[in-house]
Amino acid sequence: MGETVRLRILGPVDVYDETRGRKTTPNGTKQRALLSTLIVRQGQTLSMDRLIEELWGDVPPGNATNALQAHIARLRRLLGTAGGAADIVTDPPGYHLRLGPHETDVDEFHRLSGLAREITAEDPERALELFRRALGLWRGAAFEGCVTGSILAGEAALLEEQRLTSVEGMFDAHLRTGRHGEIVGELEEMTAAHPLRERFYDQLMVALYRCGRQSEAIGAYDRARRNLLRELGVEPGPALRGRMQAVLAHSPSLLPGGRDQLTQEIDQLRSRMNSLVQQQEALIRMVSQMSAAVGLSA
């Protein structure tokens, strides 16, 4: 595929020619779901039975094999018309999509957000720019309107978690550059939209405190605690409790550039969380590959 043509799944599914500003959209939910499934399993052969299950579940049409082959043929024509070089390869007993690196929007998202995380501590200004570019690739929910089976459902949940982690990273870069006043409103919205996600409350507390709004920072902690107790029956975790103690004690660690033992421990916790996310992603990929292998041998 040429460098200016990108397969996009972070929102409505289409093939986008960045030079001409032209997008080509597969017709119908099944074709979009099929293209999406091949994209997220790029380079991995999926059997016809597995693809039929992904598209139609437990109630496939009587001519499911012919219907799948027809969808494959239409997608091949669409990709050719779009001007790219993506190739759907027939690989008995199924198909796989052959792509180069970073030819999908999700690959570019991973590249940019990964680079941003690596440099946040040393160069938060550059990290902020990279996070914004990564998040700017999202045009809606992943595979919007065409999640038909377990492969896309699982991948959509994983991608949404990665998006939220990148949003957290972007806010962290804001705080490291002293731009706390710019993100208070956004953080209020994120805590309302994700009331059980402690990291957003943590960042909101820091931003409010730096704006001279200590009582509101305490209120944010109380709101987090009520939500966690009501929905999960648990108290806030050690990072958020530590942040509350820092707010009450007017700790210097809350100021831009301020660091103490608490801040270092929170950074360590965040590093471990990022590592767990990466391990989770690797495990999901491994399970998917094993499931595909079982399907091929069946």
Foldseek 3Di string as FASTA:
>chain_A
DDPQWAFEFLEATWIARNVVRDTGHDPDLLLLQLVVLLVVQAPAWFALVRSQCQRPNPDGDPPSSVVVVVSVVSVQVRCVVSPDDWDWDQDPRGTHIYDDQPRYLVSLLCVLLVVLVVCCVPCLVVSLVSLCVSLVSRPDQGNPPRRRHDSVVVVSVLVVVVNVVSVLSNLSSCLLVVNLVVCLVVLVVVCVVVVQDVSSLLSNLLSCVQVVNLVVNLVSQVSSQVVCCVPPVDGDDPLSVVSNVCSVVVPQCSHRVRDDPSNVVVVVVVVVVVVVSVVVVVVVVVVVSVVSVVVNVD
